[in-house]
Structures are given as structure tokens and as C-alpha cells.
Amino acid sequence: MLAALIRPAEKKTATVEGTDIPELRAQLLAQAPAGWDMATAHVEMRPGGIRIVEGRFQRRDEPQEIEADDMAALEAKVPEGWQMLSVRRI
């Protein structure tokens, strides 16, 4: 018997535009749903000091445990949009 830890692996992006990096970061973080973390932020410079920032968010809810008799059955139990973090024999 095997057990695996799984968690959501959804990703979203948001884009903001302005001149002040700390303010742009705050605007991006305000758009993150509960349980989501900003994984990366890419800044593009435009003429006149304008910055366009694209933030990428990943869902990081609490992991859950699933069980199955073998690896194939375990992989089949991982829901769409989730990822397997670890596997152990029980």
C-alpha cells in the first residue's frame, strides 16, 4: 500500500502598470486569492518610467493524503490541477 501527499497546483497571472515598484507589488498581492502565493514577478520597463509588472500566483493550500495499492492507482487518484509531492510505503 502506498500513500502520497498532494496539493493544488493551479496558477494564475495578474498584470499591473505604474511607476512605483512597492505600490505595484502591493497591487499584485491584493489580487491574490486566499491560499495563493506570488511565485514570480516580471517587470518590463516602458518609456517615461512606466513599469508593467506581471505577477504569477500559485495555489498553496494544505496538502492532503491519498492512498492506493500501487503507483499507477495512486497517480490515477491525483485530481486534475493537483500535484503529487511525496510517496511513501505504508
Protein backbone atom coordinates (compact mmCIF):
# COMPACT_ATOMS: atom_id res chain seq x y z
CA MET A 1 0.00 0.00 0.00
CA LEU A 2 1.25 3.50 -0.86
CA ALA A 3 0.35 6.94 0.46
CA ALA A 4 1.03 10.24 -1.27
CA LEU A 5 0.83 13.87 -0.23
CA ILE A 6 -0.88 16.01 -2.86
CA ARG A 7 -1.70 19.72 -3.14
CA PRO A 8 -3.34 22.04 -5.65
CA ALA A 9 -1.03 23.21 -8.43
CA GLU A 10 -3.21 25.87 -10.06
CA LYS A 11 -1.57 29.01 -11.42
CA LYS A 12 -2.89 32.47 -12.30
CA THR A 13 -1.38 35.71 -13.53
CA ALA A 14 -2.19 39.35 -12.93
CA THR A 15 -0.74 42.48 -14.54
CA VAL A 16 -0.43 45.99 -13.14
CA GLU A 17 1.05 49.18 -14.59
CA GLY A 18 2.57 52.23 -12.91
CA THR A 19 5.82 53.82 -11.78
CA ASP A 20 6.35 52.82 -8.13
CA ILE A 21 7.57 49.22 -7.67
CA PRO A 22 6.46 48.84 -4.00
CA GLU A 23 2.98 50.13 -4.91
CA LEU A 24 2.78 47.80 -7.91
CA ARG A 25 3.80 44.85 -5.74
CA ALA A 26 1.08 45.75 -3.22
CA GLN A 27 -1.49 45.94 -6.03
CA LEU A 28 -0.46 42.49 -7.26
CA LEU A 29 -0.62 40.96 -3.78
CA ALA A 30 -4.08 42.46 -3.28
CA GLN A 31 -5.26 40.43 -6.30
CA ALA A 32 -4.10 37.10 -4.83
CA PRO A 33 -6.98 34.90 -3.63
CA ALA A 34 -6.72 33.36 -0.14
CA GLY A 35 -4.32 30.42 -0.14
CA TRP A 36 -2.36 31.71 -3.16
CA ASP A 37 1.25 32.95 -3.11
CA MET A 38 3.05 35.15 -5.62
CA ALA A 39 5.71 32.88 -7.11
CA THR A 40 7.33 35.31 -9.56
CA ALA A 41 7.02 38.86 -10.82
CA HIS A 42 8.39 40.06 -14.16
CA VAL A 43 8.96 43.79 -14.67
CA GLU A 44 9.02 45.39 -18.11
CA MET A 45 10.20 48.99 -18.49
CA ARG A 46 8.44 51.41 -20.84
CA PRO A 47 9.42 54.96 -21.85
CA GLY A 48 8.56 57.63 -19.29
CA GLY A 49 9.36 55.45 -16.25
CA ILE A 50 6.27 53.27 -16.71
CA ARG A 51 6.65 49.73 -15.46
CA ILE A 52 4.43 46.82 -16.38
CA VAL A 53 4.58 44.02 -13.82
CA GLU A 54 3.16 40.56 -14.38
CA GLY A 55 2.80 38.53 -11.20
CA ARG A 56 2.35 34.77 -11.28
CA PHE A 57 0.44 33.21 -8.42
CA GLN A 58 0.30 29.58 -7.28
CA ARG A 59 -2.27 27.98 -5.04
CA ARG A 60 -0.71 26.62 -1.86
CA ASP A 61 -3.50 25.07 0.19
CA GLU A 62 -2.82 22.45 2.83
CA PRO A 63 -1.62 19.13 1.42
CA GLN A 64 -3.92 16.11 1.56
CA GLU A 65 -3.05 12.43 1.72
CA ILE A 66 -4.33 9.77 -0.68
CA GLU A 67 -3.76 6.00 -0.60
CA ALA A 68 -3.67 3.22 -3.20
CA ASP A 69 -2.30 -0.27 -3.70
CA ASP A 70 0.29 0.65 -6.35
CA MET A 71 1.85 3.68 -8.10
CA ALA A 72 -0.42 3.55 -11.14
CA ALA A 73 -3.54 3.57 -8.95
CA LEU A 74 -2.06 6.35 -6.81
CA GLU A 75 -1.34 8.52 -9.87
CA ALA A 76 -4.88 7.90 -11.13
CA LYS A 77 -6.27 9.31 -7.86
CA VAL A 78 -4.49 12.68 -8.21
CA PRO A 79 -7.23 15.18 -9.19
CA GLU A 80 -6.84 17.46 -12.21
CA GLY A 81 -4.97 20.62 -11.18
CA TRP A 82 -3.18 18.90 -8.29
CA GLN A 83 0.39 17.64 -7.95
CA MET A 84 1.95 14.79 -6.02
CA LEU A 85 4.57 15.96 -3.50
CA SER A 86 5.79 12.70 -1.99
CA VAL A 87 5.09 8.97 -1.84
CA ARG A 88 5.70 6.56 1.00
CA ARG A 89 5.03 2.90 1.64
CA ILE A 90 2.52 2.17 4.43
